[in-house]
Structures are given as C-alpha cells and as structure tokens.
Amino acid sequence: MPPVRPRLAVVLIAKDEARSIERCLTSVRPWVDKLIVLDSGSTDATVTIAADCGAVVHPFKWIDDFSAARNAALSHSDADWNLILDADEWLIGGAECLSQAALGAEPFIGAVNVTSSFHSEEGNATAVNWISRLLPRGVRYVGRIHEQPQSPLSRKRLPLIIGHDGYEPDRMESKRGRNAALLKLELVKYPGNAYVLYQLGKDSESYEDYGQASRYYQLAWERALPSDGFRHSLVTRRMYSMSRSGQLEEAVQFATAQMDYWQNSPDFFFVMGNLLLDLAVKHPERAYGELLPLAEVCWQRCLEIGESTHLDDSVVGRGSFLAEHNLAVVRGQIR
C-alpha cells in the first residue's frame, strides 16, 4: 500500500490586506491542500477576497501579540506541514520542494528565502533573509513581535523563494510606531535581549533615526553571541547607522576590528567602502592619497567574493553591479 501523502496548509494572519492578499493566496494555491487565514479585524475587503480565493477565514481579536495570532491560526490547521506566509508575500519559485518526496518522512524546520524589496541610497534594492517558515504539525511560536518557531527540530534551508514588499516606503509608514511599541514591551519581558535590541535598531533605521538605531545596535552587539544568525546583518547595519549619525571615524574603527571575521561578505566590504568614501568627503586632504584607494580595494573585494545570498540580510548587487558602479565612479575621480 503506498504511503499517505502528507498534507500541506498555508497559514497566514491578516488585517486590511485587500491590496495584496489575492496575490499571496493565488501564488501558493496550486501547491497546497488548504488555505487558512486568521483575520484580526479587517475593515476592507480582505475577508471577502480571501474567501473568494478558497481560503477558510477565521476571526481573531488582536491582542498586540504576533505569536498569539500565529498560534491561533495554526490551531485551525490539521495538516502535516504548515507554510507560514504574510499577506504582503507571494511565492516566486522553488515550490517543487513542497512535494512529498522533498519533504520526506522526518520532521524539520524549513527556512525559506524571503526576498524583500526596499528603497536605499542606491535606489530600489532587494535583500535576502532566510526565515523559518515551513513547520511540521505541532510547532508553535514565541515572541510578541518578530516571532520565532520554538522547536528542538533541526533547521534546513529550502530552495523556496518568497517575494515581500512590506518594506516599501508607503507600507512602512502605515506601521510607524506599531513595531517599536511592541518591541519595547518585549524588552520589558526580556531585558537586554540582543535580538529584540537588534530589531529596535532596524525599526529606528527604517524611519531614518540613525542615532537611535546606532545606540540600539551597540547594545545588541554587546549582548549578541557569535552564533546568532542576525550577527551579519547587525554588523553591516551598525556600520551604516554609525556613518549616517555622524560617527564616521568610530564606524571605520569598528569595521576594521571586524574585518577578519567577514572576509567572505560582500555586504561588509561594500558598506566599508562607502564609509571610506564618506570619510574622504569629510577629509578631502586624505581622499586621493589614502581613503579613495582603500574604498576601491573594498569594492574590488566585493566583486572577488561575488553575490552571497546565503548570508542573512545580504543586499543583491553588493557583490556585483552595485560594487561595479561605485568602482567606476571612484576610478573616474582618481585617474
């Protein structure tokens, strides 16, 4: 008798997501057995659109706790596996890994490639984060915000690519203040938690409060462990925020101390090159003989490393076209 095919559900929480929820649900519908939406009080057409897409929609009273909402949504699933998505995400590729043969018999926590679009100094950009989103039945979340699945099961990266546009400027404006308030509540519960401090830094950076971001990142850095998965992002974001808050010399000192650890990170060397360029603008007397040649070395190192999207929060292009652009600019100035 052939083995029973494991059942897969997509589980998401939503509120006022009429703009994007159809895109999300239709992108995954061919690959799953069930669509489950937990609606936390939408006043737009979210519920109607989700139902028209074939989702089973359950109401939920929002209590300022994302884990509570995630877990309530998961309680409505009887599937063997649950793929967790947000309404501003959609499936881009790699869905073949959701087949019975790919999932296998042994449970694990599956990390997927979430590719987020955002606006940067270089224009429109994308960054890759590896987030645990494929969960076997019974796994639940912890954390009021930026929640994480709690499980002793092994983690495995899957070739599943998810698009995300929630970091676009208009989306971020609608969230202003919400995430910071929840993170501060979480910090009361877990004082000095490095991950919460890091997320507070990211929130401040998102709204261009670079001084506050730099302070949160410093606190996070002092408490982070070498094994923390967010450490790569923390290093590059701290360098950037220090620069933008006027701490150029301190940022270069910090980066220099970290250089040996990040020899294979194009993001590190790209931001380091930008730091040196900013310092050259501030100290033109040091620009041509010292700082610009060093920046050139950094961006050349980016090209030698190439794209490294296996590193969390790696920005696409820093190992290729973005570094090439900066090199072309600088070489035009010094030769």
C-alpha atoms as a PDB file:
ATOM      1  CA  MET A   1       0.000   0.000   0.000  1.00  0.00           C
ATOM      2  CA  PRO A   2       1.545   3.367  -0.992  1.00  0.00           C
ATOM      3  CA  PRO A   3       2.341   5.828   1.829  1.00  0.00           C
ATOM      4  CA  VAL A   4      -0.224   8.511   2.577  1.00  0.00           C
ATOM      5  CA  ARG A   5       0.772  11.831   1.045  1.00  0.00           C
ATOM      6  CA  PRO A   6       1.480  14.446   3.726  1.00  0.00           C
ATOM      7  CA  ARG A   7      -0.974  17.337   3.677  1.00  0.00           C
ATOM      8  CA  LEU A   8       0.260  20.927   3.449  1.00  0.00           C
ATOM      9  CA  ALA A   9      -1.581  24.081   4.530  1.00  0.00           C
ATOM     10  CA  VAL A  10      -0.719  27.725   4.035  1.00  0.00           C
ATOM     11  CA  VAL A  11      -1.380  29.670   7.232  1.00  0.00           C
ATOM     12  CA  LEU A  12      -1.381  33.450   7.463  1.00  0.00           C
ATOM     13  CA  ILE A  13      -2.647  36.259   9.657  1.00  0.00           C
ATOM     14  CA  ALA A  14      -4.037  39.402   8.069  1.00  0.00           C
ATOM     15  CA  LYS A  15      -5.680  42.742   8.696  1.00  0.00           C
ATOM     16  CA  ASP A  16      -6.702  45.182   5.959  1.00  0.00           C
ATOM     17  CA  GLU A  17      -4.632  43.412   3.310  1.00  0.00           C
ATOM     18  CA  ALA A  18      -7.029  43.785   0.371  1.00  0.00           C
ATOM     19  CA  ARG A  19      -4.147  45.233  -1.668  1.00  0.00           C
ATOM     20  CA  SER A  20      -2.084  42.047  -1.659  1.00  0.00           C
ATOM     21  CA  ILE A  21      -3.828  39.005  -0.192  1.00  0.00           C
ATOM     22  CA  GLU A  22      -5.126  37.709  -3.531  1.00  0.00           C
ATOM     23  CA  ARG A  23      -1.585  37.763  -4.946  1.00  0.00           C
ATOM     24  CA  CYS A  24      -0.374  35.810  -1.922  1.00  0.00           C
ATOM     25  CA  LEU A  25      -3.058  33.134  -1.949  1.00  0.00           C
ATOM     26  CA  THR A  26      -3.210  32.552  -5.690  1.00  0.00           C
ATOM     27  CA  SER A  27       0.585  32.157  -5.863  1.00  0.00           C
ATOM     28  CA  VAL A  28       0.560  29.173  -3.473  1.00  0.00           C
ATOM     29  CA  ARG A  29      -2.876  27.637  -4.117  1.00  0.00           C
ATOM     30  CA  PRO A  30      -1.674  25.112  -6.746  1.00  0.00           C
ATOM     31  CA  TRP A  31       0.850  23.638  -4.309  1.00  0.00           C
ATOM     32  CA  VAL A  32      -1.120  23.202  -1.092  1.00  0.00           C
ATOM     33  CA  ASP A  33      -4.138  21.381   0.254  1.00  0.00           C
ATOM     34  CA  LYS A  34      -5.647  24.158   2.347  1.00  0.00           C
ATOM     35  CA  LEU A  35      -5.522  27.940   2.735  1.00  0.00           C
ATOM     36  CA  ILE A  36      -6.092  29.252   6.267  1.00  0.00           C
ATOM     37  CA  VAL A  37      -6.434  32.961   7.030  1.00  0.00           C
ATOM     38  CA  LEU A  38      -6.774  34.428  10.506  1.00  0.00           C
ATOM     39  CA  ASP A  39      -8.309  37.894  10.195  1.00  0.00           C
ATOM     40  CA  SER A  40      -7.716  40.269  13.099  1.00  0.00           C
ATOM     41  CA  GLY A  41     -10.402  42.834  12.339  1.00  0.00           C
ATOM     42  CA  SER A  42     -10.194  43.951   8.716  1.00  0.00           C
ATOM     43  CA  THR A  43     -12.433  46.830   7.660  1.00  0.00           C
ATOM     44  CA  ASP A  44     -11.621  46.496   3.952  1.00  0.00           C
ATOM     45  CA  ALA A  45     -12.351  43.618   1.556  1.00  0.00           C
ATOM     46  CA  THR A  46      -9.669  41.284   2.938  1.00  0.00           C
ATOM     47  CA  VAL A  47     -12.099  38.645   4.219  1.00  0.00           C
ATOM     48  CA  THR A  48     -14.163  38.556   1.012  1.00  0.00           C
ATOM     49  CA  ILE A  49     -11.093  38.355  -1.226  1.00  0.00           C
ATOM     50  CA  ALA A  50      -9.539  35.581   0.875  1.00  0.00           C
ATOM     51  CA  ALA A  51     -12.758  33.561   0.805  1.00  0.00           C
ATOM     52  CA  ASP A  52     -13.075  34.029  -2.960  1.00  0.00           C
ATOM     53  CA  CYS A  53      -9.540  32.616  -3.288  1.00  0.00           C
ATOM     54  CA  GLY A  54     -10.658  29.471  -1.499  1.00  0.00           C
ATOM     55  CA  ALA A  55      -9.328  30.259   1.972  1.00  0.00           C
ATOM     56  CA  VAL A  56     -11.049  29.314   5.194  1.00  0.00           C
ATOM     57  CA  VAL A  57     -11.165  32.561   7.175  1.00  0.00           C
ATOM     58  CA  HIS A  58     -11.301  32.671  10.976  1.00  0.00           C
ATOM     59  CA  PRO A  59     -11.834  35.832  13.067  1.00  0.00           C
ATOM     60  CA  PHE A  60      -9.406  36.792  15.809  1.00  0.00           C
ATOM     61  CA  LYS A  61      -9.326  39.610  18.345  1.00  0.00           C
ATOM     62  CA  TRP A  62      -5.941  41.305  18.140  1.00  0.00           C
ATOM     63  CA  ILE A  63      -4.083  41.388  21.495  1.00  0.00           C
ATOM     64  CA  ASP A  64      -0.760  43.035  20.475  1.00  0.00           C
ATOM     65  CA  ASP A  65       0.994  39.678  20.224  1.00  0.00           C
ATOM     66  CA  PHE A  66       2.043  38.181  16.888  1.00  0.00           C
ATOM     67  CA  SER A  67       2.856  34.787  18.399  1.00  0.00           C
ATOM     68  CA  ALA A  68      -0.621  34.566  19.873  1.00  0.00           C
ATOM     69  CA  ALA A  69      -2.093  35.274  16.453  1.00  0.00           C
ATOM     70  CA  ARG A  70       0.237  32.841  14.653  1.00  0.00           C
ATOM     71  CA  ASN A  71      -0.567  30.105  17.165  1.00  0.00           C
ATOM     72  CA  ALA A  72      -4.289  30.762  16.934  1.00  0.00           C
ATOM     73  CA  ALA A  73      -4.053  30.442  13.145  1.00  0.00           C
ATOM     74  CA  LEU A  74      -2.060  27.216  13.435  1.00  0.00           C
ATOM     75  CA  SER A  75      -4.677  25.778  15.785  1.00  0.00           C
ATOM     76  CA  HIS A  76      -7.101  25.741  12.842  1.00  0.00           C
ATOM     77  CA  SER A  77      -4.794  23.527  10.761  1.00  0.00           C
ATOM     78  CA  ASP A  78      -4.804  19.737  10.861  1.00  0.00           C
ATOM     79  CA  ALA A  79      -2.212  19.449   8.081  1.00  0.00           C
ATOM     80  CA  ASP A  80       1.067  17.572   8.447  1.00  0.00           C
ATOM     81  CA  TRP A  81       3.017  20.671   7.373  1.00  0.00           C
ATOM     82  CA  ASN A  82       2.240  24.377   7.583  1.00  0.00           C
ATOM     83  CA  LEU A  83       3.760  27.037   5.362  1.00  0.00           C
ATOM     84  CA  ILE A  84       3.616  30.386   7.163  1.00  0.00           C
ATOM     85  CA  LEU A  85       3.209  33.468   4.992  1.00  0.00           C
ATOM     86  CA  ASP A  86       2.261  37.112   5.407  1.00  0.00           C
ATOM     87  CA  ALA A  87      -0.308  38.736   3.143  1.00  0.00           C
ATOM     88  CA  ASP A  88       2.349  41.033   1.611  1.00  0.00           C
ATOM     89  CA  GLU A  89       4.356  37.999   0.473  1.00  0.00           C
ATOM     90  CA  TRP A  90       3.971  35.698  -2.517  1.00  0.00           C
ATOM     91  CA  LEU A  91       5.559  32.581  -3.937  1.00  0.00           C
ATOM     92  CA  ILE A  92       8.191  33.278  -6.609  1.00  0.00           C
ATOM     93  CA  GLY A  93       9.794  29.887  -7.169  1.00  0.00           C
ATOM     94  CA  GLY A  94      11.062  26.617  -5.822  1.00  0.00           C
ATOM     95  CA  ALA A  95       7.661  25.168  -4.945  1.00  0.00           C
ATOM     96  CA  GLU A  96       8.823  21.713  -6.049  1.00  0.00           C
ATOM     97  CA  CYS A  97      10.474  21.378  -2.632  1.00  0.00           C
ATOM     98  CA  LEU A  98       6.984  21.145  -1.132  1.00  0.00           C
ATOM     99  CA  SER A  99       6.371  17.750  -2.725  1.00  0.00           C
ATOM    100  CA  GLN A 100       6.064  14.563  -0.711  1.00  0.00           C
ATOM    101  CA  ALA A 101       9.443  13.289  -1.871  1.00  0.00           C
ATOM    102  CA  ALA A 102      11.196  16.551  -0.962  1.00  0.00           C
ATOM    103  CA  LEU A 103       9.619  16.832   2.473  1.00  0.00           C
ATOM    104  CA  GLY A 104      10.467  13.257   3.414  1.00  0.00           C
ATOM    105  CA  ALA A 105       9.327  11.377   6.483  1.00  0.00           C
ATOM    106  CA  GLU A 106      11.374  13.092   9.202  1.00  0.00           C
ATOM    107  CA  PRO A 107      10.080  16.437  10.533  1.00  0.00           C
ATOM    108  CA  PHE A 108      12.312  19.512  10.409  1.00  0.00           C
ATOM    109  CA  ILE A 109      12.008  23.304  10.427  1.00  0.00           C
ATOM    110  CA  GLY A 110      12.324  24.667   6.904  1.00  0.00           C
ATOM    111  CA  ALA A 111      13.957  28.057   6.284  1.00  0.00           C
ATOM    112  CA  VAL A 112      12.948  29.785   3.059  1.00  0.00           C
ATOM    113  CA  ASN A 113      14.454  32.603   1.016  1.00  0.00           C
ATOM    114  CA  VAL A 114      12.397  35.751   1.649  1.00  0.00           C
ATOM    115  CA  THR A 115      13.452  38.366  -0.896  1.00  0.00           C
ATOM    116  CA  SER A 116      12.339  41.829   0.226  1.00  0.00           C
ATOM    117  CA  SER A 117      12.207  44.956  -1.901  1.00  0.00           C
ATOM    118  CA  PHE A 118      13.049  48.294  -0.310  1.00  0.00           C
ATOM    119  CA  HIS A 119      14.371  51.745  -1.156  1.00  0.00           C
ATOM    120  CA  SER A 120      18.023  52.530  -0.443  1.00  0.00           C
ATOM    121  CA  GLU A 121      20.569  55.219  -1.276  1.00  0.00           C
ATOM    122  CA  GLU A 122      21.351  53.258  -4.420  1.00  0.00           C
ATOM    123  CA  GLY A 123      17.673  53.287  -5.460  1.00  0.00           C
ATOM    124  CA  ASN A 124      15.346  50.314  -5.495  1.00  0.00           C
ATOM    125  CA  ALA A 125      17.010  47.282  -3.914  1.00  0.00           C
ATOM    126  CA  THR A 126      16.327  43.772  -2.681  1.00  0.00           C
ATOM    127  CA  ALA A 127      17.688  41.845   0.289  1.00  0.00           C
ATOM    128  CA  VAL A 128      17.545  38.158   1.138  1.00  0.00           C
ATOM    129  CA  ASN A 129      16.678  36.790   4.566  1.00  0.00           C
ATOM    130  CA  TRP A 130      16.444  33.122   5.498  1.00  0.00           C
ATOM    131  CA  ILE A 131      13.381  32.732   7.723  1.00  0.00           C
ATOM    132  CA  SER A 132      11.943  29.583   9.294  1.00  0.00           C
ATOM    133  CA  ARG A 133       8.531  29.268   7.658  1.00  0.00           C
ATOM    134  CA  LEU A 134       7.828  25.588   6.910  1.00  0.00           C
ATOM    135  CA  LEU A 135       6.737  23.925  10.127  1.00  0.00           C
ATOM    136  CA  PRO A 136       5.640  20.372  10.878  1.00  0.00           C
ATOM    137  CA  ARG A 137       2.378  19.941  12.734  1.00  0.00           C
ATOM    138  CA  GLY A 138       2.533  20.892  16.415  1.00  0.00           C
ATOM    139  CA  VAL A 139       5.260  23.567  16.253  1.00  0.00           C
ATOM    140  CA  ARG A 140       4.274  26.896  17.785  1.00  0.00           C
ATOM    141  CA  TYR A 141       5.682  30.430  18.039  1.00  0.00           C
ATOM    142  CA  VAL A 142       7.174  32.536  20.835  1.00  0.00           C
ATOM    143  CA  GLY A 143       7.791  36.293  20.926  1.00  0.00           C
ATOM    144  CA  ARG A 144       5.372  39.207  20.890  1.00  0.00           C
ATOM    145  CA  ILE A 145       6.836  40.501  17.615  1.00  0.00           C
ATOM    146  CA  HIS A 146       9.405  39.171  15.123  1.00  0.00           C
ATOM    147  CA  GLU A 147       8.213  35.865  16.499  1.00  0.00           C
ATOM    148  CA  GLN A 148      10.194  32.650  16.131  1.00  0.00           C
ATOM    149  CA  PRO A 149       9.079  28.994  15.973  1.00  0.00           C
ATOM    150  CA  GLN A 150      10.063  27.174  19.156  1.00  0.00           C
ATOM    151  CA  SER A 151      11.293  23.678  18.433  1.00  0.00           C
ATOM    152  CA  PRO A 152      14.336  21.429  19.016  1.00  0.00           C
ATOM    153  CA  LEU A 153      13.998  20.095  15.463  1.00  0.00           C
ATOM    154  CA  SER A 154      16.860  20.616  13.027  1.00  0.00           C
ATOM    155  CA  ARG A 155      16.746  23.556  10.612  1.00  0.00           C
ATOM    156  CA  LYS A 156      17.108  23.054   6.868  1.00  0.00           C
ATOM    157  CA  ARG A 157      17.253  25.655   4.108  1.00  0.00           C
ATOM    158  CA  LEU A 158      14.840  25.066   1.249  1.00  0.00           C
ATOM    159  CA  PRO A 159      15.006  26.418  -2.326  1.00  0.00           C
ATOM    160  CA  LEU A 160      11.652  28.129  -1.823  1.00  0.00           C
ATOM    161  CA  ILE A 161      11.724  31.802  -2.830  1.00  0.00           C
ATOM    162  CA  ILE A 162       9.148  34.186  -1.348  1.00  0.00           C
ATOM    163  CA  GLY A 163       8.735  37.784  -2.505  1.00  0.00           C
ATOM    164  CA  HIS A 164       7.957  40.519   0.025  1.00  0.00           C
ATOM    165  CA  ASP A 165       7.108  44.196  -0.492  1.00  0.00           C
ATOM    166  CA  GLY A 166       6.265  45.180   3.086  1.00  0.00           C
ATOM    167  CA  TYR A 167       9.373  47.362   3.381  1.00  0.00           C
ATOM    168  CA  GLU A 168       8.313  49.745   0.629  1.00  0.00           C
ATOM    169  CA  PRO A 169       8.018  53.328   1.959  1.00  0.00           C
ATOM    170  CA  ASP A 170       4.211  53.518   1.911  1.00  0.00           C
ATOM    171  CA  ARG A 171       3.916  50.168   3.693  1.00  0.00           C
ATOM    172  CA  MET A 172       6.394  51.214   6.366  1.00  0.00           C
ATOM    173  CA  GLU A 173       4.579  54.468   7.017  1.00  0.00           C
ATOM    174  CA  SER A 174       1.403  52.566   7.865  1.00  0.00           C
ATOM    175  CA  LYS A 175       3.345  50.628  10.523  1.00  0.00           C
ATOM    176  CA  ARG A 176       5.094  53.625  12.085  1.00  0.00           C
ATOM    177  CA  GLY A 177       5.221  53.289  15.863  1.00  0.00           C
ATOM    178  CA  ARG A 178       3.487  49.902  15.997  1.00  0.00           C
ATOM    179  CA  ASN A 179       6.532  47.674  15.895  1.00  0.00           C
ATOM    180  CA  ALA A 180       8.600  49.842  18.242  1.00  0.00           C
ATOM    181  CA  ALA A 181       5.848  49.803  20.857  1.00  0.00           C
ATOM    182  CA  LEU A 182       5.589  46.004  20.738  1.00  0.00           C
ATOM    183  CA  LEU A 183       9.364  45.571  20.803  1.00  0.00           C
ATOM    184  CA  LYS A 184       9.641  47.772  23.890  1.00  0.00           C
ATOM    185  CA  LEU A 185       7.020  45.638  25.613  1.00  0.00           C
ATOM    186  CA  GLU A 186       9.075  42.579  24.677  1.00  0.00           C
ATOM    187  CA  LEU A 187      12.206  44.248  26.069  1.00  0.00           C
ATOM    188  CA  VAL A 188      10.454  44.723  29.412  1.00  0.00           C
ATOM    189  CA  LYS A 189       9.787  40.990  29.459  1.00  0.00           C
ATOM    190  CA  TYR A 190      13.315  40.089  28.300  1.00  0.00           C
ATOM    191  CA  PRO A 191      15.657  42.903  29.440  1.00  0.00           C
ATOM    192  CA  GLY A 192      18.843  43.139  27.429  1.00  0.00           C
ATOM    193  CA  ASN A 193      17.735  40.614  24.806  1.00  0.00           C
ATOM    194  CA  ALA A 194      20.135  41.064  21.883  1.00  0.00           C
ATOM    195  CA  TYR A 195      17.632  40.075  19.206  1.00  0.00           C
ATOM    196  CA  VAL A 196      14.971  42.487  20.470  1.00  0.00           C
ATOM    197  CA  LEU A 197      17.542  45.304  20.648  1.00  0.00           C
ATOM    198  CA  TYR A 198      18.636  44.478  17.107  1.00  0.00           C
ATOM    199  CA  GLN A 199      15.043  44.664  15.892  1.00  0.00           C
ATOM    200  CA  LEU A 200      14.574  48.008  17.668  1.00  0.00           C
ATOM    201  CA  GLY A 201      17.647  49.214  15.791  1.00  0.00           C
ATOM    202  CA  LYS A 202      16.187  48.039  12.478  1.00  0.00           C
ATOM    203  CA  ASP A 203      12.913  49.805  13.236  1.00  0.00           C
ATOM    204  CA  SER A 204      14.703  53.078  14.031  1.00  0.00           C
ATOM    205  CA  GLU A 205      16.849  52.728  10.912  1.00  0.00           C
ATOM    206  CA  SER A 206      13.742  52.156   8.781  1.00  0.00           C
ATOM    207  CA  TYR A 207      12.480  55.606   9.774  1.00  0.00           C
ATOM    208  CA  GLU A 208      15.936  57.208   9.344  1.00  0.00           C
ATOM    209  CA  ASP A 209      16.536  57.782  13.058  1.00  0.00           C
ATOM    210  CA  TYR A 210      20.136  56.695  12.669  1.00  0.00           C
ATOM    211  CA  GLY A 211      21.332  57.955  16.044  1.00  0.00           C
ATOM    212  CA  GLN A 212      18.755  55.856  17.869  1.00  0.00           C
ATOM    213  CA  ALA A 213      19.435  52.915  15.567  1.00  0.00           C
ATOM    214  CA  SER A 214      23.154  53.140  16.295  1.00  0.00           C
ATOM    215  CA  ARG A 215      22.515  53.097  20.042  1.00  0.00           C
ATOM    216  CA  TYR A 216      20.260  50.042  19.831  1.00  0.00           C
ATOM    217  CA  TYR A 217      22.738  48.250  17.568  1.00  0.00           C
ATOM    218  CA  GLN A 218      25.573  48.938  20.004  1.00  0.00           C
ATOM    219  CA  LEU A 219      23.548  47.447  22.860  1.00  0.00           C
ATOM    220  CA  ALA A 220      22.660  44.456  20.702  1.00  0.00           C
ATOM    221  CA  TRP A 221      26.292  43.984  19.673  1.00  0.00           C
ATOM    222  CA  GLU A 222      27.438  43.969  23.295  1.00  0.00           C
ATOM    223  CA  ARG A 223      24.991  41.145  24.055  1.00  0.00           C
ATOM    224  CA  ALA A 224      24.970  39.124  20.826  1.00  0.00           C
ATOM    225  CA  LEU A 225      26.572  35.700  20.650  1.00  0.00           C
ATOM    226  CA  PRO A 226      28.967  34.645  17.855  1.00  0.00           C
ATOM    227  CA  SER A 227      26.406  32.016  16.822  1.00  0.00           C
ATOM    228  CA  ASP A 228      23.473  34.431  16.486  1.00  0.00           C
ATOM    229  CA  GLY A 229      22.003  34.248  12.994  1.00  0.00           C
ATOM    230  CA  PHE A 230      21.408  38.008  12.822  1.00  0.00           C
ATOM    231  CA  ARG A 231      25.058  38.890  13.502  1.00  0.00           C
ATOM    232  CA  HIS A 232      25.938  39.542   9.843  1.00  0.00           C
ATOM    233  CA  SER A 233      23.036  41.952   9.491  1.00  0.00           C
ATOM    234  CA  LEU A 234      23.858  43.582  12.823  1.00  0.00           C
ATOM    235  CA  VAL A 235      27.454  44.315  11.804  1.00  0.00           C
ATOM    236  CA  THR A 236      26.620  45.931   8.465  1.00  0.00           C
ATOM    237  CA  ARG A 237      23.632  47.836   9.786  1.00  0.00           C
ATOM    238  CA  ARG A 238      25.597  49.153  12.749  1.00  0.00           C
ATOM    239  CA  MET A 239      28.347  50.384  10.426  1.00  0.00           C
ATOM    240  CA  TYR A 240      25.785  52.125   8.206  1.00  0.00           C
ATOM    241  CA  SER A 241      23.849  53.736  11.074  1.00  0.00           C
ATOM    242  CA  MET A 242      27.033  54.957  12.752  1.00  0.00           C
ATOM    243  CA  SER A 243      28.036  56.580   9.489  1.00  0.00           C
ATOM    244  CA  ARG A 244      24.672  58.227   8.954  1.00  0.00           C
ATOM    245  CA  SER A 245      24.604  59.546  12.527  1.00  0.00           C
ATOM    246  CA  GLY A 246      27.966  61.289  12.106  1.00  0.00           C
ATOM    247  CA  GLN A 247      30.175  58.672  13.782  1.00  0.00           C
ATOM    248  CA  LEU A 248      32.359  58.089  10.734  1.00  0.00           C
ATOM    249  CA  GLU A 249      35.699  57.585  12.457  1.00  0.00           C
ATOM    250  CA  GLU A 250      34.126  55.301  15.067  1.00  0.00           C
ATOM    251  CA  ALA A 251      32.379  53.324  12.324  1.00  0.00           C
ATOM    252  CA  VAL A 252      35.661  52.776  10.472  1.00  0.00           C
ATOM    253  CA  GLN A 253      37.350  51.684  13.708  1.00  0.00           C
ATOM    254  CA  PHE A 254      34.541  49.220  14.411  1.00  0.00           C
ATOM    255  CA  ALA A 255      34.630  47.891  10.845  1.00  0.00           C
ATOM    256  CA  THR A 256      38.417  47.499  10.889  1.00  0.00           C
ATOM    257  CA  ALA A 257      38.184  45.429  14.070  1.00  0.00           C
ATOM    258  CA  GLN A 258      35.601  43.151  12.427  1.00  0.00           C
ATOM    259  CA  MET A 259      37.247  42.776   9.023  1.00  0.00           C
ATOM    260  CA  ASP A 260      38.936  39.417   9.651  1.00  0.00           C
ATOM    261  CA  TYR A 261      35.576  37.832  10.510  1.00  0.00           C
ATOM    262  CA  TRP A 262      33.784  38.921   7.332  1.00  0.00           C
ATOM    263  CA  GLN A 263      36.290  38.212   4.578  1.00  0.00           C
ATOM    264  CA  ASN A 264      33.567  36.467   2.552  1.00  0.00           C
ATOM    265  CA  SER A 265      30.839  39.081   2.937  1.00  0.00           C
ATOM    266  CA  PRO A 266      30.326  41.473   0.013  1.00  0.00           C
ATOM    267  CA  ASP A 267      27.900  43.429   2.201  1.00  0.00           C
ATOM    268  CA  PHE A 268      30.613  44.115   4.774  1.00  0.00           C
ATOM    269  CA  PHE A 269      33.126  45.361   2.201  1.00  0.00           C
ATOM    270  CA  PHE A 270      30.508  47.348   0.300  1.00  0.00           C
ATOM    271  CA  VAL A 271      29.485  49.267   3.429  1.00  0.00           C
ATOM    272  CA  MET A 272      33.155  49.618   4.416  1.00  0.00           C
ATOM    273  CA  GLY A 273      33.891  51.182   1.031  1.00  0.00           C
ATOM    274  CA  ASN A 274      31.007  53.597   1.488  1.00  0.00           C
ATOM    275  CA  LEU A 275      32.329  54.536   4.936  1.00  0.00           C
ATOM    276  CA  LEU A 276      35.717  55.350   3.457  1.00  0.00           C
ATOM    277  CA  LEU A 277      34.084  57.390   0.691  1.00  0.00           C
ATOM    278  CA  ASP A 278      32.104  59.404   3.250  1.00  0.00           C
ATOM    279  CA  LEU A 279      35.271  59.935   5.257  1.00  0.00           C
ATOM    280  CA  ALA A 280      37.034  61.156   2.104  1.00  0.00           C
ATOM    281  CA  VAL A 281      34.311  63.765   1.604  1.00  0.00           C
ATOM    282  CA  LYS A 282      34.776  64.893   5.203  1.00  0.00           C
ATOM    283  CA  HIS A 283      38.581  64.932   4.939  1.00  0.00           C
ATOM    284  CA  PRO A 284      39.463  65.844   1.329  1.00  0.00           C
ATOM    285  CA  GLU A 285      43.119  66.228   2.247  1.00  0.00           C
ATOM    286  CA  ARG A 286      43.218  62.436   2.859  1.00  0.00           C
ATOM    287  CA  ALA A 287      40.992  61.454  -0.055  1.00  0.00           C
ATOM    288  CA  TYR A 288      43.281  60.770  -3.018  1.00  0.00           C
ATOM    289  CA  GLY A 289      46.349  59.514  -1.235  1.00  0.00           C
ATOM    290  CA  GLU A 290      44.612  57.284   1.307  1.00  0.00           C
ATOM    291  CA  LEU A 291      40.853  56.932   1.589  1.00  0.00           C
ATOM    292  CA  LEU A 292      39.615  56.579  -2.001  1.00  0.00           C
ATOM    293  CA  PRO A 293      42.221  53.920  -2.888  1.00  0.00           C
ATOM    294  CA  LEU A 294      41.147  51.964   0.205  1.00  0.00           C
ATOM    295  CA  ALA A 295      37.498  52.279  -0.813  1.00  0.00           C
ATOM    296  CA  GLU A 296      38.440  50.973  -4.265  1.00  0.00           C
ATOM    297  CA  VAL A 297      40.089  47.933  -2.649  1.00  0.00           C
ATOM    298  CA  CYS A 298      36.898  47.259  -0.667  1.00  0.00           C
ATOM    299  CA  TRP A 299      34.607  47.360  -3.695  1.00  0.00           C
ATOM    300  CA  GLN A 300      37.046  45.246  -5.703  1.00  0.00           C
ATOM    301  CA  ARG A 301      36.886  42.702  -2.889  1.00  0.00           C
ATOM    302  CA  CYS A 302      33.083  42.679  -3.278  1.00  0.00           C
ATOM    303  CA  LEU A 303      33.490  41.574  -6.893  1.00  0.00           C
ATOM    304  CA  GLU A 304      36.029  38.918  -5.936  1.00  0.00           C
ATOM    305  CA  ILE A 305      33.566  37.441  -3.413  1.00  0.00           C
ATOM    306  CA  GLY A 306      30.517  37.756  -5.659  1.00  0.00           C
ATOM    307  CA  GLU A 307      26.905  37.569  -4.577  1.00  0.00           C
ATOM    308  CA  SER A 308      26.467  35.790  -1.246  1.00  0.00           C
ATOM    309  CA  THR A 309      22.752  35.480  -0.651  1.00  0.00           C
ATOM    310  CA  HIS A 310      23.400  32.628   1.783  1.00  0.00           C
ATOM    311  CA  LEU A 311      24.335  35.373   4.267  1.00  0.00           C
ATOM    312  CA  ASP A 312      21.284  36.689   6.069  1.00  0.00           C
ATOM    313  CA  ASP A 313      20.155  40.198   5.080  1.00  0.00           C
ATOM    314  CA  SER A 314      22.507  40.244   2.095  1.00  0.00           C
ATOM    315  CA  VAL A 315      21.628  43.004  -0.390  1.00  0.00           C
ATOM    316  CA  VAL A 316      21.525  41.849  -4.002  1.00  0.00           C
ATOM    317  CA  GLY A 317      24.103  43.687  -6.124  1.00  0.00           C
ATOM    318  CA  ARG A 318      26.725  44.358  -3.488  1.00  0.00           C
ATOM    319  CA  GLY A 319      28.759  41.519  -4.904  1.00  0.00           C
ATOM    320  CA  SER A 320      28.206  42.639  -8.492  1.00  0.00           C
ATOM    321  CA  PHE A 321      26.587  45.667 -10.147  1.00  0.00           C
ATOM    322  CA  LEU A 322      26.442  47.986  -7.111  1.00  0.00           C
ATOM    323  CA  ALA A 323      30.148  47.473  -6.425  1.00  0.00           C
ATOM    324  CA  GLU A 324      30.931  47.883 -10.133  1.00  0.00           C
ATOM    325  CA  HIS A 325      29.082  51.206 -10.159  1.00  0.00           C
ATOM    326  CA  ASN A 326      30.994  52.542  -7.160  1.00  0.00           C
ATOM    327  CA  LEU A 327      34.291  51.429  -8.658  1.00  0.00           C
ATOM    328  CA  ALA A 328      33.510  53.193 -11.924  1.00  0.00           C
ATOM    329  CA  VAL A 329      32.740  56.409 -10.064  1.00  0.00           C
ATOM    330  CA  VAL A 330      35.848  56.341  -7.897  1.00  0.00           C
ATOM    331  CA  ARG A 331      38.192  55.298 -10.675  1.00  0.00           C
ATOM    332  CA  GLY A 332      36.900  58.170 -12.741  1.00  0.00           C
ATOM    333  CA  GLN A 333      37.837  60.559  -9.945  1.00  0.00           C
ATOM    334  CA  ILE A 334      41.322  59.313  -9.115  1.00  0.00           C
ATOM    335  CA  ARG A 335      42.676  58.511 -12.580  1.00  0.00           C
END
